[in-house]
Amino acid sequence: MTTAEYNLCVDEHADGVFRFILKNMRDEEGARDVVQEAFTRMWERVDTISFEKSKSYLFTSAYHIMIDALRKTGRQTSFEEVSYDKSSSDRHYSDLKEVLDEAVKRLPEVQRSALLLRDYEGYSYKEIGDMLALSESQVKVYIFRARVAMKEYLVDADLVI
């Protein structure tokens, strides 16, 4: 990849990578650090990466850097560890975005990433599989499970707007 192609890659993909990482981490400074580290790693390997594969390489690197950062801070929890009482809730949401953000936040990391890449960023199942090192069928299963979990959370009577 040439310097001009690298600069084009930065212009075309920086915002998308940042949105994806920010949606997962919910920490703007941490997301900036992850994106910067991903571009740094890509620059270090600029001679071995083709321009056609740069988008996939960038998202994959950013995803793995984000996972490492989350593990270091200990903020990653599994879906089984999250507990809430469906029969009662003292939270009353008045904004649909808040409700959706809370539902996405409760998803396991791999489901959340796959769902965000598909529904928020618009990537194909194959592209998501390449980015997350999963097969297309695994991606479809994770997205399906994420949507089911979100549906169960969103139909909770206490959250009806």
N, C-alpha and C. Protein backbone atom coordinates (compact mmCIF):
# COMPACT_ATOMS: atom_id res chain seq x y z
N MET A 1 0.86 -1.16 0.00
CA MET A 1 0.00 0.00 0.00
C MET A 1 0.91 1.23 0.00
N THR A 2 0.55 2.20 -0.79
CA THR A 2 1.33 3.43 -0.86
C THR A 2 0.88 4.39 0.24
N THR A 3 1.65 5.44 0.42
CA THR A 3 1.30 6.47 1.41
C THR A 3 -0.03 7.13 1.04
N ALA A 4 -0.23 7.38 -0.23
CA ALA A 4 -1.49 8.00 -0.68
C ALA A 4 -2.67 7.08 -0.39
N GLU A 5 -2.50 5.78 -0.62
CA GLU A 5 -3.58 4.82 -0.33
C GLU A 5 -3.84 4.75 1.17
N TYR A 6 -2.78 4.80 1.97
CA TYR A 6 -2.94 4.81 3.43
C TYR A 6 -3.74 6.04 3.86
N ASN A 7 -3.38 7.20 3.33
CA ASN A 7 -4.10 8.43 3.66
C ASN A 7 -5.56 8.36 3.22
N LEU A 8 -5.82 7.76 2.08
CA LEU A 8 -7.19 7.57 1.61
C LEU A 8 -7.95 6.64 2.56
N CYS A 9 -7.28 5.61 3.02
CA CYS A 9 -7.88 4.68 3.97
C CYS A 9 -8.26 5.40 5.27
N VAL A 10 -7.38 6.26 5.73
CA VAL A 10 -7.67 7.05 6.94
C VAL A 10 -8.90 7.92 6.70
N ASP A 11 -8.95 8.61 5.57
CA ASP A 11 -10.08 9.49 5.26
C ASP A 11 -11.39 8.71 5.16
N GLU A 12 -11.36 7.54 4.54
CA GLU A 12 -12.58 6.78 4.29
C GLU A 12 -13.09 6.00 5.50
N HIS A 13 -12.19 5.50 6.35
CA HIS A 13 -12.62 4.55 7.37
C HIS A 13 -12.47 5.01 8.81
N ALA A 14 -11.83 6.12 9.06
CA ALA A 14 -11.60 6.55 10.44
C ALA A 14 -12.90 6.76 11.21
N ASP A 15 -13.87 7.42 10.59
CA ASP A 15 -15.14 7.68 11.28
C ASP A 15 -15.90 6.39 11.58
N GLY A 16 -15.94 5.49 10.62
CA GLY A 16 -16.66 4.22 10.82
C GLY A 16 -16.03 3.37 11.91
N VAL A 17 -14.72 3.30 11.93
CA VAL A 17 -14.03 2.53 12.96
C VAL A 17 -14.28 3.16 14.32
N PHE A 18 -14.20 4.48 14.39
CA PHE A 18 -14.42 5.18 15.66
C PHE A 18 -15.83 4.94 16.18
N ARG A 19 -16.84 5.05 15.30
CA ARG A 19 -18.23 4.82 15.73
C ARG A 19 -18.41 3.40 16.26
N PHE A 20 -17.82 2.44 15.55
CA PHE A 20 -17.93 1.04 15.96
C PHE A 20 -17.30 0.81 17.33
N ILE A 21 -16.11 1.32 17.53
CA ILE A 21 -15.41 1.13 18.80
C ILE A 21 -16.10 1.91 19.92
N LEU A 22 -16.53 3.12 19.65
CA LEU A 22 -17.21 3.93 20.66
C LEU A 22 -18.50 3.27 21.11
N LYS A 23 -19.24 2.71 20.19
CA LYS A 23 -20.50 2.04 20.53
C LYS A 23 -20.25 0.85 21.44
N ASN A 24 -19.12 0.18 21.26
CA ASN A 24 -18.79 -0.96 22.10
C ASN A 24 -18.19 -0.56 23.44
N MET A 25 -17.30 0.41 23.44
CA MET A 25 -16.58 0.78 24.66
C MET A 25 -17.34 1.79 25.52
N ARG A 26 -18.12 2.65 24.88
CA ARG A 26 -18.83 3.72 25.57
C ARG A 26 -17.86 4.63 26.35
N ASP A 27 -16.67 4.82 25.78
CA ASP A 27 -15.65 5.68 26.37
C ASP A 27 -14.94 6.37 25.21
N GLU A 28 -15.21 7.67 25.06
CA GLU A 28 -14.71 8.39 23.89
C GLU A 28 -13.19 8.42 23.83
N GLU A 29 -12.54 8.70 24.94
CA GLU A 29 -11.08 8.75 24.94
C GLU A 29 -10.48 7.37 24.66
N GLY A 30 -11.05 6.34 25.27
CA GLY A 30 -10.58 4.98 25.01
C GLY A 30 -10.76 4.59 23.56
N ALA A 31 -11.89 5.00 22.98
CA ALA A 31 -12.15 4.69 21.57
C ALA A 31 -11.14 5.40 20.66
N ARG A 32 -10.82 6.64 20.99
CA ARG A 32 -9.82 7.37 20.20
C ARG A 32 -8.46 6.65 20.27
N ASP A 33 -8.10 6.19 21.47
CA ASP A 33 -6.83 5.49 21.63
C ASP A 33 -6.80 4.20 20.81
N VAL A 34 -7.91 3.46 20.82
CA VAL A 34 -7.98 2.21 20.07
C VAL A 34 -7.85 2.47 18.57
N VAL A 35 -8.56 3.46 18.08
CA VAL A 35 -8.51 3.78 16.65
C VAL A 35 -7.09 4.24 16.26
N GLN A 36 -6.50 5.06 17.09
CA GLN A 36 -5.15 5.52 16.80
C GLN A 36 -4.16 4.35 16.78
N GLU A 37 -4.30 3.43 17.73
CA GLU A 37 -3.42 2.26 17.76
C GLU A 37 -3.63 1.38 16.53
N ALA A 38 -4.88 1.23 16.08
CA ALA A 38 -5.16 0.42 14.89
C ALA A 38 -4.50 1.03 13.65
N PHE A 39 -4.60 2.35 13.50
CA PHE A 39 -3.95 3.00 12.35
C PHE A 39 -2.43 2.93 12.47
N THR A 40 -1.92 3.01 13.67
CA THR A 40 -0.47 2.89 13.87
C THR A 40 0.02 1.51 13.45
N ARG A 41 -0.71 0.48 13.87
CA ARG A 41 -0.33 -0.89 13.49
C ARG A 41 -0.41 -1.08 11.98
N MET A 42 -1.43 -0.48 11.37
CA MET A 42 -1.54 -0.61 9.93
C MET A 42 -0.37 0.11 9.24
N TRP A 43 0.03 1.26 9.76
CA TRP A 43 1.16 1.98 9.18
C TRP A 43 2.45 1.18 9.30
N GLU A 44 2.62 0.49 10.43
CA GLU A 44 3.82 -0.32 10.64
C GLU A 44 3.89 -1.48 9.64
N ARG A 45 2.76 -1.91 9.14
CA ARG A 45 2.71 -3.03 8.20
C ARG A 45 2.23 -2.60 6.81
N VAL A 46 2.39 -1.33 6.50
CA VAL A 46 1.88 -0.77 5.26
C VAL A 46 2.44 -1.48 4.03
N ASP A 47 3.65 -2.00 4.11
CA ASP A 47 4.25 -2.69 2.97
C ASP A 47 3.65 -4.06 2.71
N THR A 48 3.04 -4.68 3.73
CA THR A 48 2.52 -6.03 3.59
C THR A 48 1.00 -6.08 3.40
N ILE A 49 0.33 -4.95 3.55
CA ILE A 49 -1.14 -4.90 3.44
C ILE A 49 -1.52 -4.29 2.10
N SER A 50 -2.41 -4.98 1.39
CA SER A 50 -2.89 -4.40 0.12
C SER A 50 -4.01 -3.42 0.43
N PHE A 51 -4.19 -2.44 -0.43
CA PHE A 51 -5.22 -1.43 -0.24
C PHE A 51 -6.61 -2.06 -0.19
N GLU A 52 -6.83 -3.11 -0.97
CA GLU A 52 -8.13 -3.76 -1.02
C GLU A 52 -8.49 -4.41 0.32
N LYS A 53 -7.50 -4.84 1.07
CA LYS A 53 -7.72 -5.51 2.36
C LYS A 53 -7.59 -4.55 3.55
N SER A 54 -7.32 -3.29 3.29
CA SER A 54 -7.04 -2.35 4.36
C SER A 54 -8.24 -2.15 5.30
N LYS A 55 -9.43 -2.10 4.76
CA LYS A 55 -10.63 -1.90 5.59
C LYS A 55 -10.81 -3.07 6.55
N SER A 56 -10.73 -4.27 6.03
CA SER A 56 -10.87 -5.46 6.86
C SER A 56 -9.77 -5.52 7.91
N TYR A 57 -8.54 -5.24 7.51
CA TYR A 57 -7.42 -5.26 8.45
C TYR A 57 -7.63 -4.23 9.56
N LEU A 58 -8.10 -3.06 9.19
CA LEU A 58 -8.30 -1.97 10.14
C LEU A 58 -9.37 -2.32 11.17
N PHE A 59 -10.52 -2.80 10.72
CA PHE A 59 -11.58 -3.16 11.65
C PHE A 59 -11.18 -4.34 12.53
N THR A 60 -10.50 -5.31 11.95
CA THR A 60 -10.05 -6.46 12.73
C THR A 60 -9.06 -6.04 13.80
N SER A 61 -8.10 -5.22 13.43
CA SER A 61 -7.11 -4.73 14.40
C SER A 61 -7.78 -3.93 15.50
N ALA A 62 -8.66 -3.02 15.11
CA ALA A 62 -9.35 -2.19 16.11
C ALA A 62 -10.17 -3.06 17.06
N TYR A 63 -10.83 -4.06 16.52
CA TYR A 63 -11.64 -4.96 17.36
C TYR A 63 -10.76 -5.68 18.37
N HIS A 64 -9.64 -6.22 17.94
CA HIS A 64 -8.76 -6.95 18.86
C HIS A 64 -8.10 -6.02 19.88
N ILE A 65 -7.74 -4.83 19.48
CA ILE A 65 -7.19 -3.85 20.41
C ILE A 65 -8.24 -3.47 21.45
N MET A 66 -9.49 -3.30 21.00
CA MET A 66 -10.58 -2.96 21.92
C MET A 66 -10.79 -4.08 22.94
N ILE A 67 -10.79 -5.33 22.48
CA ILE A 67 -10.96 -6.47 23.38
C ILE A 67 -9.85 -6.48 24.43
N ASP A 68 -8.62 -6.26 23.99
CA ASP A 68 -7.50 -6.21 24.93
C ASP A 68 -7.67 -5.08 25.94
N ALA A 69 -8.11 -3.93 25.48
CA ALA A 69 -8.31 -2.78 26.37
C ALA A 69 -9.42 -3.07 27.38
N LEU A 70 -10.50 -3.69 26.92
CA LEU A 70 -11.59 -4.01 27.83
C LEU A 70 -11.16 -5.04 28.87
N ARG A 71 -10.38 -6.00 28.47
CA ARG A 71 -9.89 -7.01 29.40
C ARG A 71 -8.97 -6.40 30.45
N LYS A 72 -8.15 -5.46 30.01
CA LYS A 72 -7.24 -4.79 30.95
C LYS A 72 -8.01 -4.00 32.00
N THR A 73 -9.07 -3.36 31.60
CA THR A 73 -9.83 -2.57 32.55
C THR A 73 -10.83 -3.40 33.35
N GLY A 74 -11.05 -4.63 32.93
CA GLY A 74 -11.94 -5.52 33.66
C GLY A 74 -13.40 -5.15 33.55
N ARG A 75 -13.76 -4.41 32.53
CA ARG A 75 -15.15 -3.97 32.39
C ARG A 75 -15.99 -4.92 31.55
N GLN A 76 -15.39 -5.98 31.06
CA GLN A 76 -16.13 -6.91 30.21
C GLN A 76 -16.87 -7.91 31.08
N THR A 77 -18.17 -8.05 30.86
CA THR A 77 -18.98 -9.01 31.60
C THR A 77 -19.69 -9.90 30.61
N SER A 78 -19.98 -11.12 31.05
CA SER A 78 -20.71 -12.02 30.16
C SER A 78 -22.21 -11.81 30.34
N PHE A 79 -22.97 -12.25 29.37
CA PHE A 79 -24.42 -12.07 29.39
C PHE A 79 -25.03 -12.81 30.58
N GLU A 80 -24.46 -13.95 30.97
CA GLU A 80 -24.99 -14.72 32.08
C GLU A 80 -24.81 -13.99 33.40
N GLU A 81 -23.78 -13.15 33.50
CA GLU A 81 -23.52 -12.43 34.74
C GLU A 81 -24.47 -11.25 34.94
N VAL A 82 -25.05 -10.76 33.85
CA VAL A 82 -25.97 -9.64 33.95
C VAL A 82 -27.30 -10.14 34.45
N SER A 83 -27.74 -9.60 35.55
CA SER A 83 -29.03 -10.03 36.09
C SER A 83 -29.92 -8.82 36.30
N TYR A 84 -31.15 -8.98 35.97
CA TYR A 84 -32.13 -7.95 36.23
C TYR A 84 -33.47 -8.63 36.42
N ASP A 85 -34.32 -8.01 37.16
CA ASP A 85 -35.62 -8.56 37.47
C ASP A 85 -36.61 -8.06 36.43
N LYS A 86 -37.15 -8.99 35.65
CA LYS A 86 -38.09 -8.60 34.59
C LYS A 86 -39.42 -8.12 35.17
N SER A 87 -39.76 -8.59 36.36
CA SER A 87 -41.08 -8.25 36.90
C SER A 87 -41.15 -6.85 37.48
N SER A 88 -40.01 -6.29 37.87
CA SER A 88 -40.07 -4.93 38.41
C SER A 88 -38.83 -4.16 37.98
N SER A 89 -39.05 -2.91 37.75
CA SER A 89 -37.95 -2.04 37.37
C SER A 89 -38.26 -0.64 37.84
N ASP A 90 -37.26 0.00 38.40
CA ASP A 90 -37.48 1.37 38.83
C ASP A 90 -37.01 2.37 37.79
N ARG A 91 -36.58 1.87 36.61
CA ARG A 91 -36.16 2.75 35.54
C ARG A 91 -37.32 3.03 34.61
N HIS A 92 -37.55 4.27 34.33
CA HIS A 92 -38.59 4.65 33.38
C HIS A 92 -37.92 5.48 32.29
N TYR A 93 -37.87 4.91 31.11
CA TYR A 93 -37.20 5.56 30.01
C TYR A 93 -38.20 6.38 29.21
N SER A 94 -37.76 7.54 28.81
CA SER A 94 -38.61 8.36 27.98
C SER A 94 -38.00 8.56 26.59
N ASP A 95 -36.83 8.01 26.39
CA ASP A 95 -36.15 8.18 25.12
C ASP A 95 -35.84 6.81 24.52
N LEU A 96 -36.29 6.58 23.32
CA LEU A 96 -36.08 5.29 22.66
C LEU A 96 -34.61 4.98 22.50
N LYS A 97 -33.79 5.98 22.22
CA LYS A 97 -32.35 5.76 22.06
C LYS A 97 -31.74 5.21 23.34
N GLU A 98 -32.15 5.73 24.49
CA GLU A 98 -31.64 5.24 25.77
C GLU A 98 -32.00 3.77 25.97
N VAL A 99 -33.23 3.42 25.62
CA VAL A 99 -33.68 2.04 25.77
C VAL A 99 -32.87 1.11 24.87
N LEU A 100 -32.69 1.51 23.62
CA LEU A 100 -31.92 0.70 22.68
C LEU A 100 -30.46 0.58 23.10
N ASP A 101 -29.88 1.67 23.55
CA ASP A 101 -28.49 1.63 24.02
C ASP A 101 -28.33 0.68 25.20
N GLU A 102 -29.28 0.70 26.11
CA GLU A 102 -29.24 -0.20 27.27
C GLU A 102 -29.37 -1.65 26.81
N ALA A 103 -30.25 -1.91 25.85
CA ALA A 103 -30.42 -3.28 25.34
C ALA A 103 -29.14 -3.76 24.66
N VAL A 104 -28.50 -2.91 23.88
CA VAL A 104 -27.26 -3.28 23.20
C VAL A 104 -26.15 -3.50 24.23
N LYS A 105 -26.12 -2.68 25.25
CA LYS A 105 -25.08 -2.77 26.28
C LYS A 105 -25.13 -4.11 27.02
N ARG A 106 -26.30 -4.70 27.12
CA ARG A 106 -26.46 -5.97 27.84
C ARG A 106 -26.02 -7.19 27.04
N LEU A 107 -25.76 -7.02 25.75
CA LEU A 107 -25.37 -8.14 24.90
C LEU A 107 -23.94 -8.58 25.18
N PRO A 108 -23.63 -9.87 24.99
CA PRO A 108 -22.24 -10.30 25.06
C PRO A 108 -21.42 -9.60 23.98
N GLU A 109 -20.13 -9.47 24.21
CA GLU A 109 -19.24 -8.70 23.34
C GLU A 109 -19.33 -9.11 21.87
N VAL A 110 -19.25 -10.39 21.57
CA VAL A 110 -19.23 -10.82 20.17
C VAL A 110 -20.58 -10.56 19.50
N GLN A 111 -21.68 -10.76 20.23
CA GLN A 111 -23.00 -10.47 19.67
C GLN A 111 -23.17 -8.98 19.43
N ARG A 112 -22.75 -8.17 20.39
CA ARG A 112 -22.86 -6.72 20.25
C ARG A 112 -22.04 -6.25 19.04
N SER A 113 -20.82 -6.74 18.90
CA SER A 113 -19.98 -6.31 17.78
C SER A 113 -20.59 -6.70 16.45
N ALA A 114 -21.04 -7.94 16.33
CA ALA A 114 -21.64 -8.39 15.08
C ALA A 114 -22.90 -7.59 14.74
N LEU A 115 -23.74 -7.36 15.75
CA LEU A 115 -24.98 -6.61 15.53
C LEU A 115 -24.68 -5.17 15.13
N LEU A 116 -23.74 -4.53 15.79
CA LEU A 116 -23.40 -3.15 15.45
C LEU A 116 -22.81 -3.04 14.05
N LEU A 117 -21.95 -3.98 13.69
CA LEU A 117 -21.38 -3.94 12.35
C LEU A 117 -22.44 -4.15 11.28
N ARG A 118 -23.40 -4.99 11.56
CA ARG A 118 -24.45 -5.28 10.57
C ARG A 118 -25.50 -4.16 10.52
N ASP A 119 -26.09 -3.83 11.66
CA ASP A 119 -27.24 -2.93 11.67
C ASP A 119 -26.86 -1.44 11.74
N TYR A 120 -25.77 -1.11 12.40
CA TYR A 120 -25.38 0.29 12.49
C TYR A 120 -24.44 0.70 11.36
N GLU A 121 -23.52 -0.18 11.01
CA GLU A 121 -22.52 0.17 10.00
C GLU A 121 -22.85 -0.39 8.62
N GLY A 122 -23.73 -1.40 8.52
CA GLY A 122 -24.19 -1.91 7.23
C GLY A 122 -23.26 -2.86 6.51
N TYR A 123 -22.39 -3.56 7.23
CA TYR A 123 -21.48 -4.50 6.59
C TYR A 123 -22.18 -5.82 6.29
N SER A 124 -21.68 -6.53 5.31
CA SER A 124 -22.24 -7.83 4.94
C SER A 124 -21.78 -8.88 5.95
N TYR A 125 -22.45 -10.03 5.95
CA TYR A 125 -22.08 -11.10 6.86
C TYR A 125 -20.63 -11.55 6.61
N LYS A 126 -20.24 -11.61 5.36
CA LYS A 126 -18.88 -12.03 5.02
C LYS A 126 -17.85 -11.03 5.56
N GLU A 127 -18.12 -9.73 5.38
CA GLU A 127 -17.20 -8.71 5.89
C GLU A 127 -17.10 -8.77 7.42
N ILE A 128 -18.22 -8.97 8.07
CA ILE A 128 -18.22 -9.07 9.53
C ILE A 128 -17.43 -10.29 9.96
N GLY A 129 -17.62 -11.40 9.26
CA GLY A 129 -16.87 -12.61 9.56
C GLY A 129 -15.37 -12.39 9.42
N ASP A 130 -14.97 -11.68 8.38
CA ASP A 130 -13.55 -11.37 8.20
C ASP A 130 -13.02 -10.50 9.33
N MET A 131 -13.81 -9.52 9.75
CA MET A 131 -13.37 -8.59 10.79
C MET A 131 -13.27 -9.26 12.16
N LEU A 132 -14.22 -10.16 12.44
CA LEU A 132 -14.27 -10.77 13.77
C LEU A 132 -13.68 -12.18 13.79
N ALA A 133 -13.12 -12.62 12.67
CA ALA A 133 -12.53 -13.96 12.56
C ALA A 133 -13.56 -15.04 12.86
N LEU A 134 -14.72 -14.92 12.24
CA LEU A 134 -15.82 -15.88 12.38
C LEU A 134 -16.27 -16.32 10.99
N SER A 135 -16.96 -17.46 10.93
CA SER A 135 -17.55 -17.87 9.66
C SER A 135 -18.85 -17.09 9.45
N GLU A 136 -19.32 -17.07 8.22
CA GLU A 136 -20.58 -16.38 7.93
C GLU A 136 -21.73 -16.94 8.75
N SER A 137 -21.79 -18.26 8.89
CA SER A 137 -22.88 -18.87 9.65
C SER A 137 -22.79 -18.50 11.13
N GLN A 138 -21.58 -18.39 11.68
CA GLN A 138 -21.44 -17.96 13.07
C GLN A 138 -21.92 -16.52 13.23
N VAL A 139 -21.60 -15.68 12.27
CA VAL A 139 -22.04 -14.29 12.32
C VAL A 139 -23.56 -14.23 12.33
N LYS A 140 -24.19 -14.99 11.46
CA LYS A 140 -25.65 -15.00 11.39
C LYS A 140 -26.27 -15.47 12.70
N VAL A 141 -25.67 -16.50 13.31
CA VAL A 141 -26.18 -17.01 14.58
C VAL A 141 -26.04 -15.96 15.67
N TYR A 142 -24.89 -15.30 15.76
CA TYR A 142 -24.68 -14.28 16.79
C TYR A 142 -25.63 -13.10 16.61
N ILE A 143 -25.86 -12.70 15.38
CA ILE A 143 -26.79 -11.59 15.13
C ILE A 143 -28.21 -12.01 15.49
N PHE A 144 -28.60 -13.23 15.14
CA PHE A 144 -29.92 -13.71 15.48
C PHE A 144 -30.11 -13.73 17.00
N ARG A 145 -29.13 -14.28 17.72
CA ARG A 145 -29.22 -14.35 19.18
C ARG A 145 -29.26 -12.95 19.80
N ALA A 146 -28.50 -12.04 19.24
CA ALA A 146 -28.50 -10.67 19.75
C ALA A 146 -29.87 -10.03 19.57
N ARG A 147 -30.47 -10.24 18.42
CA ARG A 147 -31.80 -9.66 18.16
C ARG A 147 -32.86 -10.28 19.07
N VAL A 148 -32.76 -11.58 19.32
CA VAL A 148 -33.70 -12.24 20.24
C VAL A 148 -33.54 -11.68 21.65
N ALA A 149 -32.31 -11.54 22.11
CA ALA A 149 -32.06 -11.00 23.45
C ALA A 149 -32.57 -9.56 23.56
N MET A 150 -32.35 -8.78 22.51
CA MET A 150 -32.85 -7.40 22.54
C MET A 150 -34.37 -7.36 22.54
N LYS A 151 -34.98 -8.24 21.78
CA LYS A 151 -36.45 -8.29 21.74
C LYS A 151 -37.00 -8.63 23.11
N GLU A 152 -36.40 -9.61 23.78
CA GLU A 152 -36.86 -9.98 25.11
C GLU A 152 -36.71 -8.81 26.08
N TYR A 153 -35.63 -8.09 25.97
CA TYR A 153 -35.41 -6.94 26.86
C TYR A 153 -36.40 -5.82 26.53
N LEU A 154 -36.63 -5.57 25.23
CA LEU A 154 -37.45 -4.45 24.82
C LEU A 154 -38.95 -4.67 25.04
N VAL A 155 -39.40 -5.91 25.13
CA VAL A 155 -40.83 -6.14 25.34
C VAL A 155 -41.19 -6.14 26.82
N ASP A 156 -40.23 -5.89 27.68
CA ASP A 156 -40.48 -5.76 29.10
C ASP A 156 -41.51 -4.66 29.31
N ALA A 157 -42.60 -4.94 30.00
CA ALA A 157 -43.71 -3.99 30.18
C ALA A 157 -43.26 -2.70 30.85
N ASP A 158 -42.25 -2.74 31.68
CA ASP A 158 -41.80 -1.53 32.38
C ASP A 158 -41.09 -0.56 31.44
N LEU A 159 -40.67 -1.04 30.28
CA LEU A 159 -39.93 -0.18 29.36
C LEU A 159 -40.82 0.41 28.26
N VAL A 160 -42.10 0.07 28.24
CA VAL A 160 -43.00 0.57 27.22
C VAL A 160 -43.10 2.08 27.34
N ILE A 161 -42.90 2.73 26.23
CA ILE A 161 -42.88 4.21 26.24
C ILE A 161 -44.28 4.74 26.08
